[in-house]
Amino acid sequence: MKTKKYYSKDFKLQAISMAEERENVSEVSRELDIRSDMLRRWVKEYRIKKVEAFKGPGHLSKPKDKKLSELQSLKKELREVTLERDILKKAVHIFSKSDGINSDL
């Protein structure tokens, strides 16, 4: 059974720096004995989040503002409701085809 490895933020940043300097993720990943897909993910995350990247081992930072927290929960709920709506639309479309009824939603 493999144990899960944790890499420090400094290690990740150094690996990213090496990969960007050499422009060869595969070479750097072999040298550092890490998977190339993981290093690519680190590079992508760093390019998107910059300073906010690699906050910790899977822990989201807690919002400092109550309104920000509420906004995040509302966005999450909106995503879930939108997904449910889309699934229901597809189901109606599938069942209406079999019934011969044309239902445009």
Protein backbone atom coordinates (compact mmCIF):
# COMPACT_ATOMS: atom_id res chain seq x y z
CA MET A 1 0.00 0.00 0.00
CA LYS A 2 1.36 3.40 -1.00
CA THR A 3 1.46 6.21 1.50
CA LYS A 4 0.31 9.60 0.36
CA LYS A 5 3.12 12.10 -0.09
CA TYR A 6 2.79 15.73 0.86
CA TYR A 7 4.96 18.36 -0.75
CA SER A 8 5.69 21.72 0.82
CA LYS A 9 4.75 24.96 -0.89
CA ASP A 10 8.44 25.78 -1.32
CA PHE A 11 9.09 22.43 -3.04
CA LYS A 12 6.17 23.00 -5.41
CA LEU A 13 7.32 26.52 -6.25
CA GLN A 14 10.87 25.34 -6.93
CA ALA A 15 9.58 22.52 -9.14
CA ILE A 16 7.41 24.98 -11.07
CA SER A 17 10.33 27.35 -11.47
CA MET A 18 12.54 24.56 -12.80
CA ALA A 19 9.85 23.39 -15.22
CA GLU A 20 9.31 26.91 -16.55
CA GLU A 21 13.04 27.60 -16.92
CA ARG A 22 13.72 24.37 -18.82
CA GLU A 23 10.34 24.27 -20.58
CA ASN A 24 10.36 20.51 -20.04
CA VAL A 25 7.98 19.21 -17.37
CA SER A 26 8.80 15.55 -18.02
CA GLU A 27 12.52 16.03 -17.45
CA VAL A 28 12.00 17.97 -14.22
CA SER A 29 9.44 15.48 -12.90
CA ARG A 30 11.86 12.57 -13.49
CA GLU A 31 14.65 14.49 -11.79
CA LEU A 32 12.49 15.27 -8.75
CA ASP A 33 10.88 11.81 -8.72
CA ILE A 34 7.32 13.11 -9.03
CA ARG A 35 4.60 12.36 -11.57
CA SER A 36 4.61 14.67 -14.59
CA ASP A 37 0.82 15.10 -14.51
CA MET A 38 1.08 16.34 -10.92
CA LEU A 39 3.75 18.89 -11.85
CA ARG A 40 1.60 20.07 -14.78
CA ARG A 41 -1.32 20.51 -12.36
CA TRP A 42 0.89 22.54 -10.00
CA VAL A 43 2.03 24.76 -12.88
CA LYS A 44 -1.55 25.32 -14.00
CA GLU A 45 -2.74 26.09 -10.47
CA TYR A 46 0.11 28.53 -9.91
CA ARG A 47 -0.59 30.33 -13.20
CA ILE A 48 -4.23 30.77 -12.23
CA LYS A 49 -3.97 31.56 -8.51
CA LYS A 50 -0.43 32.96 -8.15
CA VAL A 51 0.11 33.84 -4.47
CA GLU A 52 -3.12 32.10 -3.41
CA ALA A 53 -1.92 28.73 -4.76
CA PHE A 54 -0.98 25.89 -2.41
CA LYS A 55 -2.69 27.12 0.75
CA GLY A 56 -2.38 23.77 2.49
CA PRO A 57 -3.25 20.08 2.36
CA GLY A 58 -6.76 20.26 0.98
CA HIS A 59 -8.09 22.92 3.32
CA LEU A 60 -9.97 25.81 1.85
CA SER A 61 -9.29 29.13 3.44
CA LYS A 62 -12.23 30.38 5.45
CA PRO A 63 -13.83 33.55 4.17
CA LYS A 64 -13.14 36.51 6.40
CA ASP A 65 -16.32 38.26 5.51
CA LYS A 66 -19.81 36.95 6.29
CA LYS A 67 -21.13 38.33 3.00
CA LEU A 68 -18.37 36.55 1.08
CA SER A 69 -19.24 33.30 2.83
CA GLU A 70 -22.91 33.75 1.97
CA LEU A 71 -22.03 34.57 -1.64
CA GLN A 72 -19.95 31.40 -1.93
CA SER A 73 -22.74 29.24 -0.54
CA LEU A 74 -25.28 30.85 -2.88
CA LYS A 75 -23.02 30.24 -5.88
CA LYS A 76 -22.66 26.60 -4.86
CA GLU A 77 -26.43 26.24 -4.50
CA LEU A 78 -26.95 27.89 -7.90
CA ARG A 79 -24.57 25.41 -9.54
CA GLU A 80 -26.43 22.49 -7.96
CA VAL A 81 -29.88 23.79 -8.94
CA THR A 82 -28.70 24.54 -12.49
CA LEU A 83 -27.33 21.00 -12.79
CA GLU A 84 -30.62 19.53 -11.51
CA ARG A 85 -32.58 21.65 -13.99
CA ASP A 86 -30.41 20.54 -16.89
CA ILE A 87 -30.83 16.89 -15.92
CA LEU A 88 -34.60 17.29 -15.74
CA LYS A 89 -34.66 19.00 -19.15
CA LYS A 90 -32.77 16.10 -20.68
CA ALA A 91 -35.09 13.58 -19.04
CA VAL A 92 -38.17 15.38 -20.39
CA HIS A 93 -36.60 15.47 -23.84
CA ILE A 94 -35.81 11.73 -23.75
CA PHE A 95 -39.27 10.72 -22.54
CA SER A 96 -41.06 13.05 -24.95
CA LYS A 97 -39.25 11.42 -27.87
CA SER A 98 -40.54 8.01 -26.86
CA ASP A 99 -44.11 9.32 -26.42
CA GLY A 100 -44.11 11.14 -29.76
CA ILE A 101 -44.89 14.44 -28.03
CA ASN A 102 -42.79 17.45 -28.98
CA SER A 103 -41.96 19.51 -25.92
CA ASP A 104 -39.72 22.54 -26.41
CA LEU A 105 -38.28 23.80 -23.13
